[in-house]
């Protein structure tokens, strides 16, 4: 209703409420068969790639370097969608007659740090939820770990982590009681304050 009222500000001739409008009529000419075929192919390729991830026992949160698709032709927007769904840096096309997917599971130190940061984001957001915080609530965070790789990940991806978890300030000392969470099998002590 709110969106409809925004439209009414621009076009006052619209009815008073969206609830008074008639249902739109079906228009078969608006169906894009090629788009539907491309999206079916995208879904199939994503499913195959995720199967490969599962076989390699690599979490979907762990960024991988590349997915190679053989025997398909897709435009850049579809390749970007596949990259996002499969969580790879790049999707490349290779010529061939049969459709296949090859997942590069090489984990560079940089990709491992990025994967740790994503898991940290998920754990921090889960803790926010436990505390009853809303998306609008901004927080300060104290974080410590004896694991140097985890701390390196936090420092490398601090800006992304702060944005994703609504962190305004990273504290040097804790204010309250420390909560222990496990990230990538490493112990992390945190203190979150609104």
C-alpha atoms as a PDB file:
ATOM      1  CA  UNK A   1       0.000   0.000   0.000  1.00  0.00           C
ATOM      2  CA  UNK A   2       2.811   2.384   0.900  1.00  0.00           C
ATOM      3  CA  UNK A   3       4.496   1.924  -2.474  1.00  0.00           C
ATOM      4  CA  UNK A   4       1.179   2.478  -4.232  1.00  0.00           C
ATOM      5  CA  UNK A   5       0.686   5.730  -2.306  1.00  0.00           C
ATOM      6  CA  UNK A   6       4.118   6.859  -3.517  1.00  0.00           C
ATOM      7  CA  UNK A   7       2.921   6.267  -7.086  1.00  0.00           C
ATOM      8  CA  UNK A   8      -0.220   8.325  -6.363  1.00  0.00           C
ATOM      9  CA  UNK A   9       1.940  11.318  -5.490  1.00  0.00           C
ATOM     10  CA  UNK A  10       3.320  11.214  -9.035  1.00  0.00           C
ATOM     11  CA  UNK A  11       0.058  10.153 -10.715  1.00  0.00           C
ATOM     12  CA  UNK A  12      -2.915  11.474  -8.694  1.00  0.00           C
ATOM     13  CA  UNK A  13      -5.427   9.927 -11.143  1.00  0.00           C
ATOM     14  CA  UNK A  14      -4.789   6.493  -9.591  1.00  0.00           C
ATOM     15  CA  UNK A  15      -7.508   5.069  -7.355  1.00  0.00           C
ATOM     16  CA  UNK A  16      -7.377   5.891  -3.652  1.00  0.00           C
ATOM     17  CA  UNK A  17      -5.969   2.491  -2.636  1.00  0.00           C
ATOM     18  CA  UNK A  18      -4.214  -0.413  -4.309  1.00  0.00           C
ATOM     19  CA  UNK A  19      -7.007  -2.575  -2.898  1.00  0.00           C
ATOM     20  CA  UNK A  20      -9.495  -0.833  -5.188  1.00  0.00           C
ATOM     21  CA  UNK A  21      -7.485  -1.631  -8.325  1.00  0.00           C
ATOM     22  CA  UNK A  22      -8.326  -4.520 -10.656  1.00  0.00           C
ATOM     23  CA  UNK A  23      -5.940  -7.411 -11.112  1.00  0.00           C
ATOM     24  CA  UNK A  24      -3.659  -6.894 -14.103  1.00  0.00           C
ATOM     25  CA  UNK A  25      -4.476  -8.925 -17.202  1.00  0.00           C
ATOM     26  CA  UNK A  26      -2.137 -11.679 -18.294  1.00  0.00           C
ATOM     27  CA  UNK A  27      -0.084 -10.705 -21.335  1.00  0.00           C
ATOM     28  CA  UNK A  28       1.706 -13.640 -22.956  1.00  0.00           C
ATOM     29  CA  UNK A  29       3.736 -11.274 -25.143  1.00  0.00           C
ATOM     30  CA  UNK A  30       5.671 -10.192 -22.046  1.00  0.00           C
ATOM     31  CA  UNK A  31       7.061 -13.691 -21.502  1.00  0.00           C
ATOM     32  CA  UNK A  32      10.698 -13.926 -22.534  1.00  0.00           C
ATOM     33  CA  UNK A  33      11.262 -17.575 -23.472  1.00  0.00           C
ATOM     34  CA  UNK A  34      15.024 -17.108 -23.882  1.00  0.00           C
ATOM     35  CA  UNK A  35      15.276 -15.570 -20.406  1.00  0.00           C
ATOM     36  CA  UNK A  36      13.368 -18.539 -18.955  1.00  0.00           C
ATOM     37  CA  UNK A  37      15.688 -20.996 -20.744  1.00  0.00           C
ATOM     38  CA  UNK A  38      18.783 -19.102 -19.553  1.00  0.00           C
ATOM     39  CA  UNK A  39      17.523 -19.049 -15.965  1.00  0.00           C
ATOM     40  CA  UNK A  40      16.778 -22.802 -16.088  1.00  0.00           C
ATOM     41  CA  UNK A  41      20.351 -23.337 -17.290  1.00  0.00           C
ATOM     42  CA  UNK A  42      21.699 -21.067 -14.524  1.00  0.00           C
ATOM     43  CA  UNK A  43      19.800 -23.066 -11.895  1.00  0.00           C
ATOM     44  CA  UNK A  44      21.144 -26.338 -13.308  1.00  0.00           C
ATOM     45  CA  UNK A  45      24.741 -25.048 -13.387  1.00  0.00           C
ATOM     46  CA  UNK A  46      24.512 -23.669  -9.838  1.00  0.00           C
ATOM     47  CA  UNK A  47      23.141 -26.997  -8.640  1.00  0.00           C
ATOM     48  CA  UNK A  48      26.014 -28.898 -10.295  1.00  0.00           C
ATOM     49  CA  UNK A  49      28.605 -26.495  -8.863  1.00  0.00           C
ATOM     50  CA  UNK A  50      27.141 -26.731  -5.355  1.00  0.00           C
ATOM     51  CA  UNK A  51      27.275 -30.525  -5.673  1.00  0.00           C
ATOM     52  CA  UNK A  52      31.002 -30.209  -6.453  1.00  0.00           C
ATOM     53  CA  UNK A  53      31.429 -28.003  -3.364  1.00  0.00           C
ATOM     54  CA  UNK A  54      29.682 -30.596  -1.242  1.00  0.00           C
ATOM     55  CA  UNK A  55      31.847 -33.411  -2.645  1.00  0.00           C
ATOM     56  CA  UNK A  56      34.966 -31.369  -1.825  1.00  0.00           C
ATOM     57  CA  UNK A  57      33.514 -30.621   1.665  1.00  0.00           C
ATOM     58  CA  UNK A  58      33.998 -26.870   1.256  1.00  0.00           C
ATOM     59  CA  UNK A  59      31.502 -24.604   2.987  1.00  0.00           C
ATOM     60  CA  UNK A  60      29.482 -22.236   0.810  1.00  0.00           C
ATOM     61  CA  UNK A  61      30.837 -19.362   2.945  1.00  0.00           C
ATOM     62  CA  UNK A  62      34.373 -20.133   1.785  1.00  0.00           C
ATOM     63  CA  UNK A  63      35.148 -18.098  -1.322  1.00  0.00           C
ATOM     64  CA  UNK A  64      36.754 -20.094  -4.127  1.00  0.00           C
ATOM     65  CA  UNK A  65      38.796 -18.696  -7.006  1.00  0.00           C
ATOM     66  CA  UNK A  66      37.021 -19.963 -10.110  1.00  0.00           C
ATOM     67  CA  UNK A  67      34.234 -21.957 -11.701  1.00  0.00           C
ATOM     68  CA  UNK A  68      34.755 -23.138 -15.274  1.00  0.00           C
ATOM     69  CA  UNK A  69      31.635 -23.830 -17.329  1.00  0.00           C
ATOM     70  CA  UNK A  70      31.961 -25.923 -20.468  1.00  0.00           C
ATOM     71  CA  UNK A  71      29.458 -26.236 -23.292  1.00  0.00           C
ATOM     72  CA  UNK A  72      27.321 -23.193 -22.442  1.00  0.00           C
ATOM     73  CA  UNK A  73      26.930 -19.646 -23.698  1.00  0.00           C
ATOM     74  CA  UNK A  74      25.705 -17.091 -21.169  1.00  0.00           C
ATOM     75  CA  UNK A  75      26.000 -13.326 -20.901  1.00  0.00           C
ATOM     76  CA  UNK A  76      27.827 -11.466 -18.133  1.00  0.00           C
ATOM     77  CA  UNK A  77      24.769 -10.861 -15.877  1.00  0.00           C
ATOM     78  CA  UNK A  78      24.078 -14.616 -15.748  1.00  0.00           C
ATOM     79  CA  UNK A  79      27.736 -15.378 -15.042  1.00  0.00           C
ATOM     80  CA  UNK A  80      27.713 -12.819 -12.215  1.00  0.00           C
ATOM     81  CA  UNK A  81      24.593 -14.449 -10.760  1.00  0.00           C
ATOM     82  CA  UNK A  82      26.247 -17.881 -10.890  1.00  0.00           C
ATOM     83  CA  UNK A  83      29.417 -16.484  -9.259  1.00  0.00           C
ATOM     84  CA  UNK A  84      27.353 -15.027  -6.430  1.00  0.00           C
ATOM     85  CA  UNK A  85      25.292 -18.184  -5.868  1.00  0.00           C
ATOM     86  CA  UNK A  86      28.315 -20.512  -5.921  1.00  0.00           C
ATOM     87  CA  UNK A  87      30.559 -18.013  -4.076  1.00  0.00           C
ATOM     88  CA  UNK A  88      33.448 -17.882  -6.519  1.00  0.00           C
ATOM     89  CA  UNK A  89      35.545 -14.906  -7.576  1.00  0.00           C
ATOM     90  CA  UNK A  90      35.220 -15.647 -11.290  1.00  0.00           C
ATOM     91  CA  UNK A  91      33.172 -17.734 -13.722  1.00  0.00           C
ATOM     92  CA  UNK A  92      34.804 -18.516 -17.036  1.00  0.00           C
ATOM     93  CA  UNK A  93      33.406 -20.189 -20.138  1.00  0.00           C
ATOM     94  CA  UNK A  94      35.208 -22.983 -21.947  1.00  0.00           C
ATOM     95  CA  UNK A  95      34.336 -24.456 -25.329  1.00  0.00           C
ATOM     96  CA  UNK A  96      33.028 -27.988 -25.519  1.00  0.00           C
ATOM     97  CA  UNK A  97      29.994 -29.969 -26.612  1.00  0.00           C
ATOM     98  CA  UNK A  98      28.873 -31.352 -23.266  1.00  0.00           C
ATOM     99  CA  UNK A  99      27.712 -29.178 -20.404  1.00  0.00           C
ATOM    100  CA  UNK A 100      30.004 -29.550 -17.405  1.00  0.00           C
ATOM    101  CA  UNK A 101      31.276 -27.584 -14.419  1.00  0.00           C
ATOM    102  CA  UNK A 102      34.746 -27.591 -12.925  1.00  0.00           C
ATOM    103  CA  UNK A 103      35.288 -25.971  -9.560  1.00  0.00           C
ATOM    104  CA  UNK A 104      38.753 -24.696  -8.670  1.00  0.00           C
ATOM    105  CA  UNK A 105      39.082 -25.541  -4.976  1.00  0.00           C
ATOM    106  CA  UNK A 106      42.542 -24.006  -4.518  1.00  0.00           C
ATOM    107  CA  UNK A 107      42.480 -22.051  -1.272  1.00  0.00           C
ATOM    108  CA  UNK A 108      44.976 -19.216  -1.263  1.00  0.00           C
ATOM    109  CA  UNK A 109      45.777 -17.511   2.048  1.00  0.00           C
ATOM    110  CA  UNK A 110      43.749 -14.468   0.893  1.00  0.00           C
ATOM    111  CA  UNK A 111      40.678 -16.599   0.112  1.00  0.00           C
ATOM    112  CA  UNK A 112      40.995 -18.366   3.466  1.00  0.00           C
ATOM    113  CA  UNK A 113      41.037 -15.000   5.267  1.00  0.00           C
ATOM    114  CA  UNK A 114      37.954 -13.912   3.336  1.00  0.00           C
ATOM    115  CA  UNK A 115      36.164 -17.157   4.233  1.00  0.00           C
ATOM    116  CA  UNK A 116      37.001 -16.661   7.928  1.00  0.00           C
ATOM    117  CA  UNK A 117      35.663 -13.091   7.773  1.00  0.00           C
ATOM    118  CA  UNK A 118      32.362 -14.309   6.323  1.00  0.00           C
ATOM    119  CA  UNK A 119      31.992 -16.906   9.049  1.00  0.00           C
ATOM    120  CA  UNK A 120      32.806 -14.241  11.645  1.00  0.00           C
ATOM    121  CA  UNK A 121      30.104 -11.987  10.173  1.00  0.00           C
ATOM    122  CA  UNK A 122      27.566 -14.815  10.417  1.00  0.00           C
ATOM    123  CA  UNK A 123      28.504 -15.618  14.030  1.00  0.00           C
ATOM    124  CA  UNK A 124      28.420 -11.945  15.091  1.00  0.00           C
ATOM    125  CA  UNK A 125      25.022 -11.435  13.455  1.00  0.00           C
ATOM    126  CA  UNK A 126      23.708 -14.563  15.194  1.00  0.00           C
ATOM    127  CA  UNK A 127      24.910 -13.131  18.511  1.00  0.00           C
ATOM    128  CA  UNK A 128      23.219  -9.804  17.710  1.00  0.00           C
ATOM    129  CA  UNK A 129      20.002 -11.771  17.205  1.00  0.00           C
ATOM    130  CA  UNK A 130      20.522 -13.573  20.545  1.00  0.00           C
ATOM    131  CA  UNK A 131      20.817 -10.157  22.219  1.00  0.00           C
ATOM    132  CA  UNK A 132      17.533  -9.061  20.634  1.00  0.00           C
ATOM    133  CA  UNK A 133      19.147  -6.315  18.551  1.00  0.00           C
ATOM    134  CA  UNK A 134      17.421  -5.053  15.421  1.00  0.00           C
ATOM    135  CA  UNK A 135      18.974  -4.217  12.057  1.00  0.00           C
ATOM    136  CA  UNK A 136      18.831  -0.515  12.981  1.00  0.00           C
ATOM    137  CA  UNK A 137      20.777  -0.990  16.229  1.00  0.00           C
ATOM    138  CA  UNK A 138      24.383   0.150  15.860  1.00  0.00           C
ATOM    139  CA  UNK A 139      26.950  -1.507  18.133  1.00  0.00           C
ATOM    140  CA  UNK A 140      30.471  -1.305  19.467  1.00  0.00           C
ATOM    141  CA  UNK A 141      32.555  -4.481  19.442  1.00  0.00           C
ATOM    142  CA  UNK A 142      35.513  -5.757  21.384  1.00  0.00           C
ATOM    143  CA  UNK A 143      37.117  -8.841  19.836  1.00  0.00           C
ATOM    144  CA  UNK A 144      40.132 -10.916  20.829  1.00  0.00           C
ATOM    145  CA  UNK A 145      41.606 -14.231  19.792  1.00  0.00           C
ATOM    146  CA  UNK A 146      44.959 -15.888  20.280  1.00  0.00           C
ATOM    147  CA  UNK A 147      44.705 -17.148  16.698  1.00  0.00           C
ATOM    148  CA  UNK A 148      46.772 -14.853  14.475  1.00  0.00           C
ATOM    149  CA  UNK A 149      45.046 -15.953  11.245  1.00  0.00           C
ATOM    150  CA  UNK A 150      41.646 -15.052  12.644  1.00  0.00           C
ATOM    151  CA  UNK A 151      42.863 -11.658  13.858  1.00  0.00           C
ATOM    152  CA  UNK A 152      44.534 -11.063  10.492  1.00  0.00           C
ATOM    153  CA  UNK A 153      41.207 -11.851   8.790  1.00  0.00           C
ATOM    154  CA  UNK A 154      39.387  -9.409  11.070  1.00  0.00           C
ATOM    155  CA  UNK A 155      41.924  -6.647  10.424  1.00  0.00           C
ATOM    156  CA  UNK A 156      42.018  -7.283   6.659  1.00  0.00           C
ATOM    157  CA  UNK A 157      38.226  -7.275   6.275  1.00  0.00           C
ATOM    158  CA  UNK A 158      37.400  -4.892   9.133  1.00  0.00           C
ATOM    159  CA  UNK A 159      35.466  -2.457   6.915  1.00  0.00           C
ATOM    160  CA  UNK A 160      33.266  -5.200   5.387  1.00  0.00           C
ATOM    161  CA  UNK A 161      32.697  -6.821   8.786  1.00  0.00           C
ATOM    162  CA  UNK A 162      31.744  -3.504  10.420  1.00  0.00           C
ATOM    163  CA  UNK A 163      29.293  -2.706   7.625  1.00  0.00           C
ATOM    164  CA  UNK A 164      27.685  -6.172   7.629  1.00  0.00           C
ATOM    165  CA  UNK A 165      27.323  -6.312  11.433  1.00  0.00           C
ATOM    166  CA  UNK A 166      26.388  -2.610  11.993  1.00  0.00           C
ATOM    167  CA  UNK A 167      29.535  -1.890  14.027  1.00  0.00           C
ATOM    168  CA  UNK A 168      30.295   1.790  14.663  1.00  0.00           C
ATOM    169  CA  UNK A 169      33.297   1.302  16.956  1.00  0.00           C
ATOM    170  CA  UNK A 170      35.859  -1.426  17.507  1.00  0.00           C
ATOM    171  CA  UNK A 171      36.948  -1.164  21.136  1.00  0.00           C
ATOM    172  CA  UNK A 172      40.460  -1.769  22.456  1.00  0.00           C
ATOM    173  CA  UNK A 173      39.148  -2.892  25.863  1.00  0.00           C
ATOM    174  CA  UNK A 174      35.962  -4.687  26.822  1.00  0.00           C
ATOM    175  CA  UNK A 175      33.210  -3.076  28.885  1.00  0.00           C
ATOM    176  CA  UNK A 176      31.139  -6.006  30.095  1.00  0.00           C
ATOM    177  CA  UNK A 177      31.292  -9.769  30.141  1.00  0.00           C
ATOM    178  CA  UNK A 178      33.120 -11.587  27.352  1.00  0.00           C
ATOM    179  CA  UNK A 179      31.211 -14.117  25.246  1.00  0.00           C
ATOM    180  CA  UNK A 180      33.151 -16.950  23.601  1.00  0.00           C
ATOM    181  CA  UNK A 181      32.223 -17.957  20.062  1.00  0.00           C
ATOM    182  CA  UNK A 182      33.871 -20.473  17.733  1.00  0.00           C
ATOM    183  CA  UNK A 183      34.884 -19.265  14.262  1.00  0.00           C
ATOM    184  CA  UNK A 184      36.691 -21.654  11.908  1.00  0.00           C
ATOM    185  CA  UNK A 185      37.335 -23.945  14.879  1.00  0.00           C
ATOM    186  CA  UNK A 186      39.083 -21.089  16.709  1.00  0.00           C
ATOM    187  CA  UNK A 187      38.010 -19.498  19.981  1.00  0.00           C
ATOM    188  CA  UNK A 188      37.055 -15.809  19.780  1.00  0.00           C
ATOM    189  CA  UNK A 189      36.073 -13.669  22.771  1.00  0.00           C
ATOM    190  CA  UNK A 190      33.697 -10.798  22.061  1.00  0.00           C
ATOM    191  CA  UNK A 191      31.878  -8.029  23.886  1.00  0.00           C
ATOM    192  CA  UNK A 192      28.990  -6.342  22.063  1.00  0.00           C
ATOM    193  CA  UNK A 193      27.406  -3.109  23.312  1.00  0.00           C
ATOM    194  CA  UNK A 194      24.548  -1.073  21.888  1.00  0.00           C
END
